[in-house]
C-alpha atoms as a PDB file:
ATOM      1  CA  MET A   1     -70.670   4.029 -59.695  1.00  0.00           C
ATOM      2  CA  ALA A   2     -70.814   5.040 -63.341  1.00  0.00           C
ATOM      3  CA  LYS A   3     -69.890   3.869 -66.809  1.00  0.00           C
ATOM      4  CA  ILE A   4     -68.301   6.556 -68.979  1.00  0.00           C
ATOM      5  CA  GLY A   5     -67.602   6.429 -72.713  1.00  0.00           C
ATOM      6  CA  ILE A   6     -64.808   8.186 -74.599  1.00  0.00           C
ATOM      7  CA  ILE A   7     -64.524   8.651 -78.358  1.00  0.00           C
ATOM      8  CA  THR A   8     -61.182  10.108 -79.426  1.00  0.00           C
ATOM      9  CA  CYS A   9     -58.758  10.109 -82.318  1.00  0.00           C
ATOM     10  CA  GLN A  10     -55.175   8.888 -82.007  1.00  0.00           C
ATOM     11  CA  ILE A  11     -53.806  12.385 -81.436  1.00  0.00           C
ATOM     12  CA  LEU A  12     -54.955  12.452 -77.794  1.00  0.00           C
ATOM     13  CA  GLU A  13     -54.081   8.871 -76.809  1.00  0.00           C
ATOM     14  CA  LEU A  14     -51.263   9.843 -74.409  1.00  0.00           C
ATOM     15  CA  GLU A  15     -53.363  12.493 -72.701  1.00  0.00           C
ATOM     16  CA  PHE A  16     -56.313  10.181 -72.089  1.00  0.00           C
ATOM     17  CA  ALA A  17     -54.030   7.432 -70.807  1.00  0.00           C
ATOM     18  CA  HIS A  18     -52.517   9.911 -68.355  1.00  0.00           C
ATOM     19  CA  VAL A  19     -55.808  11.391 -67.130  1.00  0.00           C
ATOM     20  CA  LEU A  20     -57.469   8.000 -66.640  1.00  0.00           C
ATOM     21  CA  SER A  21     -54.446   6.434 -64.977  1.00  0.00           C
ATOM     22  CA  ALA A  22     -54.204   9.309 -62.490  1.00  0.00           C
ATOM     23  CA  ASP A  23     -57.899   9.188 -61.514  1.00  0.00           C
ATOM     24  CA  MET A  24     -58.355   7.191 -58.325  1.00  0.00           C
ATOM     25  CA  GLU A  25     -62.092   6.827 -58.998  1.00  0.00           C
ATOM     26  CA  VAL A  26     -61.478   4.878 -62.203  1.00  0.00           C
ATOM     27  CA  SER A  27     -61.394   1.144 -61.621  1.00  0.00           C
ATOM     28  CA  ASP A  28     -60.987  -0.398 -65.084  1.00  0.00           C
ATOM     29  CA  VAL A  29     -60.545   0.820 -68.647  1.00  0.00           C
ATOM     30  CA  PHE A  30     -62.033  -1.108 -71.556  1.00  0.00           C
ATOM     31  CA  VAL A  31     -60.728  -0.350 -75.050  1.00  0.00           C
ATOM     32  CA  VAL A  32     -62.397  -1.401 -78.288  1.00  0.00           C
ATOM     33  CA  ASP A  33     -59.504  -3.246 -79.909  1.00  0.00           C
ATOM     34  CA  ASN A  34     -59.048  -1.955 -83.451  1.00  0.00           C
ATOM     35  CA  GLU A  35     -56.186  -0.973 -85.720  1.00  0.00           C
ATOM     36  CA  PHE A  36     -55.990   2.498 -84.121  1.00  0.00           C
ATOM     37  CA  SER A  37     -56.004   1.550 -80.435  1.00  0.00           C
ATOM     38  CA  ALA A  38     -52.628  -0.190 -79.993  1.00  0.00           C
ATOM     39  CA  ASP A  39     -50.708   2.839 -78.697  1.00  0.00           C
ATOM     40  CA  LEU A  40     -53.427   3.798 -76.212  1.00  0.00           C
ATOM     41  CA  ILE A  41     -53.582   0.239 -74.878  1.00  0.00           C
ATOM     42  CA  ALA A  42     -49.789   0.104 -74.538  1.00  0.00           C
ATOM     43  CA  GLU A  43     -49.701   3.449 -72.751  1.00  0.00           C
ATOM     44  CA  LEU A  44     -52.461   2.485 -70.302  1.00  0.00           C
ATOM     45  CA  LYS A  45     -50.722  -0.790 -69.515  1.00  0.00           C
ATOM     46  CA  GLY A  46     -47.426   1.060 -69.151  1.00  0.00           C
ATOM     47  CA  HIS A  47     -48.869   3.233 -66.407  1.00  0.00           C
ATOM     48  CA  GLY A  48     -49.785   0.030 -64.591  1.00  0.00           C
ATOM     49  CA  LYS A  49     -52.437   1.668 -62.420  1.00  0.00           C
ATOM     50  CA  LYS A  50     -55.691   0.335 -63.904  1.00  0.00           C
ATOM     51  CA  GLY A  51     -57.093  -2.870 -65.186  1.00  0.00           C
ATOM     52  CA  VAL A  52     -56.936  -2.628 -68.993  1.00  0.00           C
ATOM     53  CA  HIS A  53     -59.258  -4.820 -71.041  1.00  0.00           C
ATOM     54  CA  GLN A  54     -59.454  -5.219 -74.808  1.00  0.00           C
ATOM     55  CA  LEU A  55     -62.907  -5.734 -76.299  1.00  0.00           C
ATOM     56  CA  VAL A  56     -63.827  -6.973 -79.737  1.00  0.00           C
ATOM     57  CA  ASP A  57     -67.313  -5.459 -79.459  1.00  0.00           C
ATOM     58  CA  PRO A  58     -68.616  -2.636 -77.194  1.00  0.00           C
ATOM     59  CA  ARG A  59     -71.537  -4.880 -76.249  1.00  0.00           C
ATOM     60  CA  GLU A  60     -69.133  -6.875 -74.095  1.00  0.00           C
ATOM     61  CA  PHE A  61     -68.832  -3.821 -71.838  1.00  0.00           C
ATOM     62  CA  SER A  62     -72.457  -4.106 -70.707  1.00  0.00           C
ATOM     63  CA  GLU A  63     -71.634  -7.403 -69.042  1.00  0.00           C
ATOM     64  CA  THR A  64     -68.873  -5.986 -66.820  1.00  0.00           C
ATOM     65  CA  PRO A  65     -69.517  -5.521 -63.088  1.00  0.00           C
ATOM     66  CA  ILE A  66     -69.189  -1.953 -61.787  1.00  0.00           C
ATOM     67  CA  ASP A  67     -66.525  -1.425 -59.145  1.00  0.00           C
ATOM     68  CA  GLY A  68     -65.627   2.243 -59.231  1.00  0.00           C
ATOM     69  CA  HIS A  69     -65.971   4.135 -62.501  1.00  0.00           C
ATOM     70  CA  ASN A  70     -65.522   1.937 -65.567  1.00  0.00           C
ATOM     71  CA  VAL A  71     -64.477   3.570 -68.843  1.00  0.00           C
ATOM     72  CA  LEU A  72     -65.151   2.404 -72.401  1.00  0.00           C
ATOM     73  CA  ILE A  73     -62.938   3.943 -75.098  1.00  0.00           C
ATOM     74  CA  ARG A  74     -63.049   3.764 -78.849  1.00  0.00           C
ATOM     75  CA  VAL A  75     -60.100   5.230 -80.761  1.00  0.00           C
ATOM     76  CA  MET A  76     -60.909   6.666 -84.168  1.00  0.00           C
ATOM     77  CA  GLU A  77     -58.631   6.942 -87.171  1.00  0.00           C
ATOM     78  CA  LEU A  78     -56.312   9.919 -87.417  1.00  0.00           C
ATOM     79  CA  GLY A  79     -57.257  11.991 -90.420  1.00  0.00           C
ATOM     80  CA  LEU A  80     -61.041  11.826 -90.475  1.00  0.00           C
ATOM     81  CA  HIS A  81     -60.895  15.606 -90.098  1.00  0.00           C
ATOM     82  CA  SER A  82     -59.749  15.947 -93.721  1.00  0.00           C
ATOM     83  CA  ASN A  83     -63.412  15.575 -94.705  1.00  0.00           C
ATOM     84  CA  ILE A  84     -65.874  17.261 -92.338  1.00  0.00           C
ATOM     85  CA  LYS A  85     -68.893  15.175 -93.327  1.00  0.00           C
ATOM     86  CA  ASN A  86     -66.857  12.006 -93.040  1.00  0.00           C
ATOM     87  CA  LEU A  87     -65.673  13.015 -89.555  1.00  0.00           C
ATOM     88  CA  GLN A  88     -69.216  13.799 -88.447  1.00  0.00           C
ATOM     89  CA  ARG A  89     -70.597  10.537 -89.809  1.00  0.00           C
ATOM     90  CA  HIS A  90     -67.976   8.328 -88.190  1.00  0.00           C
ATOM     91  CA  VAL A  91     -67.999  10.052 -84.801  1.00  0.00           C
ATOM     92  CA  VAL A  92     -71.805  10.195 -84.581  1.00  0.00           C
ATOM     93  CA  SER A  93     -71.971   6.505 -85.464  1.00  0.00           C
ATOM     94  CA  ALA A  94     -69.358   5.643 -82.827  1.00  0.00           C
ATOM     95  CA  VAL A  95     -71.153   7.691 -80.166  1.00  0.00           C
ATOM     96  CA  LYS A  96     -74.467   5.987 -80.910  1.00  0.00           C
ATOM     97  CA  GLU A  97     -72.781   2.599 -80.720  1.00  0.00           C
ATOM     98  CA  ILE A  98     -71.255   3.036 -77.258  1.00  0.00           C
ATOM     99  CA  ALA A  99     -74.000   5.286 -75.806  1.00  0.00           C
ATOM    100  CA  ARG A 100     -76.167   2.181 -75.328  1.00  0.00           C
ATOM    101  CA  HIS A 101     -73.677   0.895 -72.755  1.00  0.00           C
ATOM    102  CA  VAL A 102     -72.600   4.024 -70.807  1.00  0.00           C
ATOM    103  CA  ASP A 103     -74.025   6.912 -68.783  1.00  0.00           C
ATOM    104  CA  SER A 104     -72.222   9.722 -70.653  1.00  0.00           C
ATOM    105  CA  VAL A 105     -69.817  10.128 -73.585  1.00  0.00           C
ATOM    106  CA  LEU A 106     -66.795  12.427 -73.675  1.00  0.00           C
ATOM    107  CA  LEU A 107     -65.468  13.420 -77.098  1.00  0.00           C
ATOM    108  CA  GLY A 108     -61.732  13.798 -77.626  1.00  0.00           C
ATOM    109  CA  TYR A 109     -62.452  16.414 -80.277  1.00  0.00           C
ATOM    110  CA  GLY A 110     -63.109  20.140 -80.516  1.00  0.00           C
ATOM    111  CA  LEU A 111     -65.021  22.042 -83.158  1.00  0.00           C
ATOM    112  CA  CYS A 112     -62.580  20.541 -85.702  1.00  0.00           C
ATOM    113  CA  GLY A 113     -63.335  22.837 -88.622  1.00  0.00           C
ATOM    114  CA  ASN A 114     -66.877  23.332 -87.282  1.00  0.00           C
ATOM    115  CA  ALA A 115     -67.656  19.634 -87.673  1.00  0.00           C
ATOM    116  CA  PHE A 116     -69.162  19.715 -84.171  1.00  0.00           C
ATOM    117  CA  ASN A 117     -70.382  23.299 -84.107  1.00  0.00           C
ATOM    118  CA  HIS A 118     -73.976  22.097 -83.663  1.00  0.00           C
ATOM    119  CA  ALA A 119     -73.310  19.134 -81.424  1.00  0.00           C
ATOM    120  CA  GLU A 120     -76.774  19.279 -79.868  1.00  0.00           C
ATOM    121  CA  ASP A 121     -78.281  18.568 -83.299  1.00  0.00           C
ATOM    122  CA  LEU A 122     -75.739  15.928 -84.313  1.00  0.00           C
ATOM    123  CA  PHE A 123     -76.302  13.958 -81.119  1.00  0.00           C
ATOM    124  CA  SER A 124     -80.007  14.683 -80.650  1.00  0.00           C
ATOM    125  CA  GLU A 125     -80.847  10.976 -80.940  1.00  0.00           C
ATOM    126  CA  VAL A 126     -78.322   9.961 -78.275  1.00  0.00           C
ATOM    127  CA  SER A 127     -79.960   9.193 -74.936  1.00  0.00           C
ATOM    128  CA  VAL A 128     -76.975  10.081 -72.713  1.00  0.00           C
ATOM    129  CA  PRO A 129     -75.047  13.368 -72.308  1.00  0.00           C
ATOM    130  CA  VAL A 130     -72.356  13.959 -74.945  1.00  0.00           C
ATOM    131  CA  ILE A 131     -69.598  16.282 -73.710  1.00  0.00           C
ATOM    132  CA  LEU A 132     -67.170  18.330 -75.790  1.00  0.00           C
ATOM    133  CA  PRO A 133     -64.147  19.907 -74.061  1.00  0.00           C
ATOM    134  CA  MET A 134     -64.991  23.545 -73.387  1.00  0.00           C
ATOM    135  CA  ASP A 135     -63.002  26.779 -73.462  1.00  0.00           C
ATOM    136  CA  GLU A 136     -65.073  29.006 -71.165  1.00  0.00           C
ATOM    137  CA  ASP A 137     -68.484  29.219 -72.910  1.00  0.00           C
ATOM    138  CA  HIS A 138     -67.590  27.529 -76.205  1.00  0.00           C
ATOM    139  CA  PRO A 139     -66.026  24.231 -77.320  1.00  0.00           C
ATOM    140  CA  VAL A 140     -62.278  24.206 -77.903  1.00  0.00           C
ATOM    141  CA  ASP A 141     -61.339  24.749 -81.526  1.00  0.00           C
ATOM    142  CA  ASP A 142     -59.518  21.438 -81.922  1.00  0.00           C
ATOM    143  CA  CYS A 143     -56.941  19.240 -80.213  1.00  0.00           C
ATOM    144  CA  VAL A 144     -54.329  22.004 -80.430  1.00  0.00           C
ATOM    145  CA  GLY A 145     -56.736  24.478 -78.858  1.00  0.00           C
ATOM    146  CA  LEU A 146     -57.343  21.931 -76.112  1.00  0.00           C
ATOM    147  CA  ILE A 147     -53.659  21.516 -75.222  1.00  0.00           C
ATOM    148  CA  ILE A 148     -52.590  25.132 -75.756  1.00  0.00           C
ATOM    149  CA  GLY A 149     -55.166  26.206 -73.180  1.00  0.00           C
ATOM    150  CA  GLY A 150     -57.922  27.728 -75.283  1.00  0.00           C
ATOM    151  CA  ARG A 151     -58.711  30.110 -78.094  1.00  0.00           C
ATOM    152  CA  GLU A 152     -56.981  33.195 -76.691  1.00  0.00           C
ATOM    153  CA  ASN A 153     -53.625  31.419 -76.455  1.00  0.00           C
ATOM    154  CA  TYR A 154     -54.157  29.751 -79.845  1.00  0.00           C
ATOM    155  CA  TYR A 155     -54.896  33.002 -81.665  1.00  0.00           C
ATOM    156  CA  ALA A 156     -52.067  34.836 -79.910  1.00  0.00           C
ATOM    157  CA  GLN A 157     -49.547  32.376 -81.323  1.00  0.00           C
ATOM    158  CA  GLN A 158     -51.124  32.532 -84.785  1.00  0.00           C
ATOM    159  CA  ARG A 159     -50.820  36.317 -84.692  1.00  0.00           C
ATOM    160  CA  GLU A 160     -47.203  36.050 -83.595  1.00  0.00           C
ATOM    161  CA  CYS A 161     -46.376  33.781 -86.538  1.00  0.00           C
ATOM    162  CA  ALA A 162     -49.020  32.878 -89.087  1.00  0.00           C
ATOM    163  CA  GLY A 163     -46.790  30.140 -90.507  1.00  0.00           C
ATOM    164  CA  THR A 164     -46.867  27.927 -87.414  1.00  0.00           C
ATOM    165  CA  MET A 165     -47.080  24.144 -87.249  1.00  0.00           C
ATOM    166  CA  PHE A 166     -48.571  23.479 -83.827  1.00  0.00           C
ATOM    167  CA  MET A 167     -47.167  20.326 -82.245  1.00  0.00           C
ATOM    168  CA  ASN A 168     -48.917  18.661 -79.354  1.00  0.00           C
ATOM    169  CA  ALA A 169     -47.716  15.222 -78.273  1.00  0.00           C
ATOM    170  CA  GLY A 170     -49.902  13.334 -80.742  1.00  0.00           C
ATOM    171  CA  PHE A 171     -48.914  15.406 -83.753  1.00  0.00           C
ATOM    172  CA  SER A 172     -45.229  14.966 -82.959  1.00  0.00           C
ATOM    173  CA  ARG A 173     -45.709  11.179 -82.720  1.00  0.00           C
ATOM    174  CA  HIS A 174     -47.925  10.748 -85.793  1.00  0.00           C
ATOM    175  CA  LEU A 175     -46.446  13.519 -87.919  1.00  0.00           C
ATOM    176  CA  GLU A 176     -45.490  11.462 -90.958  1.00  0.00           C
ATOM    177  CA  LYS A 177     -48.931   9.881 -91.216  1.00  0.00           C
ATOM    178  CA  PHE A 178     -50.612  13.239 -90.675  1.00  0.00           C
ATOM    179  CA  MET A 179     -48.662  14.836 -93.516  1.00  0.00           C
ATOM    180  CA  ASP A 180     -49.716  12.065 -95.919  1.00  0.00           C
ATOM    181  CA  LEU A 181     -53.450  12.550 -95.307  1.00  0.00           C
ATOM    182  CA  ASP A 182     -54.217  15.034 -98.041  1.00  0.00           C
ATOM    183  CA  ILE A 183     -52.127  13.366-100.742  1.00  0.00           C
ATOM    184  CA  PRO A 184     -54.053  11.047-103.077  1.00  0.00           C
ATOM    185  CA  GLU A 185     -52.462   7.640-103.486  1.00  0.00           C
ATOM    186  CA  LYS A 186     -51.740   8.228-107.173  1.00  0.00           C
ATOM    187  CA  LEU A 187     -49.640  11.293-106.257  1.00  0.00           C
ATOM    188  CA  LEU A 188     -47.547   9.606-103.552  1.00  0.00           C
ATOM    189  CA  PRO A 189     -44.543   9.260-105.904  1.00  0.00           C
ATOM    190  CA  LYS A 190     -44.494  13.078-105.949  1.00  0.00           C
ATOM    191  CA  LYS A 191     -44.959  13.304-102.179  1.00  0.00           C
ATOM    192  CA  ASP A 192     -41.843  15.349-101.377  1.00  0.00           C
ATOM    193  CA  LYS A 193     -42.577  17.927-104.050  1.00  0.00           C
ATOM    194  CA  ILE A 194     -46.202  18.280-102.948  1.00  0.00           C
ATOM    195  CA  LEU A 195     -45.287  18.605 -99.268  1.00  0.00           C
ATOM    196  CA  LYS A 196     -42.678  21.270 -99.964  1.00  0.00           C
ATOM    197  CA  ARG A 197     -45.314  23.256-101.834  1.00  0.00           C
ATOM    198  CA  MET A 198     -47.764  22.811 -98.948  1.00  0.00           C
ATOM    199  CA  MET A 199     -45.163  23.876 -96.388  1.00  0.00           C
ATOM    200  CA  ARG A 200     -43.646  26.822 -98.222  1.00  0.00           C
ATOM    201  CA  ASP A 201     -45.324  29.463 -96.026  1.00  0.00           C
ATOM    202  CA  TYR A 202     -44.548  27.770 -92.701  1.00  0.00           C
ATOM    203  CA  LYS A 203     -41.735  29.199 -90.596  1.00  0.00           C
ATOM    204  CA  ARG A 204     -41.741  27.357 -87.274  1.00  0.00           C
ATOM    205  CA  SER A 205     -42.825  24.287 -85.351  1.00  0.00           C
ATOM    206  CA  LEU A 206     -44.287  25.265 -81.986  1.00  0.00           C
ATOM    207  CA  LEU A 207     -44.026  22.517 -79.390  1.00  0.00           C
ATOM    208  CA  LEU A 208     -46.641  22.210 -76.635  1.00  0.00           C
ATOM    209  CA  PRO A 209     -44.956  19.903 -74.123  1.00  0.00           C
ATOM    210  CA  THR A 210     -46.951  18.599 -71.153  1.00  0.00           C
ATOM    211  CA  GLU A 211     -46.417  15.919 -68.540  1.00  0.00           C
ATOM    212  CA  VAL A 212     -47.346  13.239 -71.084  1.00  0.00           C
ATOM    213  CA  LEU A 213     -44.450  14.072 -73.425  1.00  0.00           C
ATOM    214  CA  GLY A 214     -41.602  16.451 -72.691  1.00  0.00           C
ATOM    215  CA  GLU A 215     -39.822  18.949 -74.902  1.00  0.00           C
ATOM    216  CA  THR A 216     -36.753  16.764 -75.472  1.00  0.00           C
ATOM    217  CA  GLU A 217     -38.808  13.821 -76.755  1.00  0.00           C
ATOM    218  CA  MET A 218     -40.947  16.067 -78.932  1.00  0.00           C
ATOM    219  CA  MET A 219     -37.911  17.757 -80.457  1.00  0.00           C
ATOM    220  CA  ALA A 220     -36.486  14.351 -81.359  1.00  0.00           C
ATOM    221  CA  ASN A 221     -39.787  13.398 -83.005  1.00  0.00           C
ATOM    222  CA  ILE A 222     -39.813  16.433 -85.311  1.00  0.00           C
ATOM    223  CA  GLU A 223     -36.090  16.951 -85.914  1.00  0.00           C
ATOM    224  CA  SER A 224     -36.005  15.505 -89.426  1.00  0.00           C
ATOM    225  CA  PHE A 225     -39.314  17.184 -90.324  1.00  0.00           C
ATOM    226  CA  ASN A 226     -37.999  20.633 -89.346  1.00  0.00           C
ATOM    227  CA  ALA A 227     -34.737  20.056 -91.191  1.00  0.00           C
ATOM    228  CA  LYS A 228     -36.570  18.958 -94.321  1.00  0.00           C
ATOM    229  CA  PHE A 229     -38.788  22.034 -94.467  1.00  0.00           C
ATOM    230  CA  GLY A 230     -36.435  24.585 -92.936  1.00  0.00           C
ATOM    231  CA  LEU A 231     -38.529  25.283 -89.838  1.00  0.00           C
ATOM    232  CA  ARG A 232     -37.213  26.671 -86.592  1.00  0.00           C
ATOM    233  CA  THR A 233     -38.298  25.097 -83.323  1.00  0.00           C
ATOM    234  CA  GLU A 234     -39.954  27.043 -80.534  1.00  0.00           C
ATOM    235  CA  SER A 235     -41.737  25.830 -77.414  1.00  0.00           C
ATOM    236  CA  ILE A 236     -44.344  27.026 -74.943  1.00  0.00           C
ATOM    237  CA  PRO A 237     -45.892  24.962 -72.128  1.00  0.00           C
ATOM    238  CA  GLY A 238     -49.006  23.001 -72.967  1.00  0.00           C
ATOM    239  CA  THR A 239     -51.664  22.126 -70.419  1.00  0.00           C
ATOM    240  CA  LEU A 240     -54.074  19.308 -69.632  1.00  0.00           C
ATOM    241  CA  ALA A 241     -56.359  21.592 -67.612  1.00  0.00           C
ATOM    242  CA  LEU A 242     -59.184  21.788 -70.169  1.00  0.00           C
ATOM    243  CA  MET A 243     -59.101  18.052 -70.785  1.00  0.00           C
ATOM    244  CA  GLU A 244     -59.198  17.314 -67.064  1.00  0.00           C
ATOM    245  CA  LYS A 245     -62.126  19.714 -66.685  1.00  0.00           C
ATOM    246  CA  ALA A 246     -64.003  17.951 -69.506  1.00  0.00           C
ATOM    247  CA  TRP A 247     -63.268  14.561 -67.954  1.00  0.00           C
ATOM    248  CA  GLN A 248     -64.606  15.724 -64.587  1.00  0.00           C
ATOM    249  CA  LYS A 249     -67.770  16.990 -66.278  1.00  0.00           C
ATOM    250  CA  ALA A 250     -68.254  13.632 -68.009  1.00  0.00           C
ATOM    251  CA  LYS A 251     -67.899  11.855 -64.655  1.00  0.00           C
ATOM    252  CA  ASN A 252     -70.371  14.202 -62.979  1.00  0.00           C
ATOM    253  CA  ARG A 253     -72.948  13.791 -65.743  1.00  0.00           C
ATOM    254  CA  SER A 254     -72.563  10.017 -65.564  1.00  0.00           C
ATOM    255  CA  VAL A 255     -73.192   9.953 -61.829  1.00  0.00           C
ATOM    256  CA  GLU A 256     -76.271  12.156 -62.314  1.00  0.00           C
ATOM    257  CA  LYS A 257     -77.561   9.725 -64.937  1.00  0.00           C
ATOM    258  CA  CYS A 258     -77.162   6.660 -62.704  1.00  0.00           C
END
C-alpha cells in the first residue's frame, strides 16, 4: 500500500476530512500539528472513521507501518495567496519537506493567481509526482473553481454578476480572517472604513453548499457580513467531484511509485 502527502490551506479542511474519511482504502491520517491544523484534526476525529495522529515533525511519518493507504497532511496558513511569491515559496518548501516520506503529493490549491501555472518547473526538484486538481486539461483556477465545478461554471457566475463574493465552506467559516488579510496592522483601527471601500462594488454572496457544509449553516456564517455590506444571498450547489478525482489520481500515482 502507499503513502500519500497532502498540502492544503485551511479553506479546504472540511473537504479533505470528508474525502479521506469516506475512503475505505485509507487506514490512518497523520497531520503535522501546527497552529493551522486544529480544525482539520477536529473534523477528522469527528468523523470517527480513521486513525488520526498528530505529528510534531513529518519525519515521524517515515517510521509508521503501512496498513492500507496512509496519508500525511500539512495545513498551510490561510492568506499566503495575498503574495504570489510568498505562496510559491511556502508551498514548494512544504512539498519538498514531505515528499521525502511519501509516494505522491496532492496540492489543495489551484492556479491561485497563476502561482502554480508552471508547476512542473516549481516542483522539478521533487522526486515524487505532485498533483494539482484538474478541470479537464488545465488546473482549477483556485479553491472556488474547485468547488464550483470548474472554469465554465465559475466564469458563468462572474458574467451573471461581476460583484460576487464566492463562498465555499472554508470561506464562510474563515471569512473574518480572510477579510483582514490585505489590511496592514497600522491601518486596523480604520478596518471598517477600508473594508467598505473594498466591498463597494460587490452585490451578492454566492453560497456553494456541499455535503461538508449545508446552505443553512453557511447562511448563518455570513449573515452579519452580508448585512454589514448590503449583499444579497444566493446559492447554487457546489461539488466535490473535482477534488475526489484529484484524490484518486494521487492514490493511483502513489501505487505506481511503490
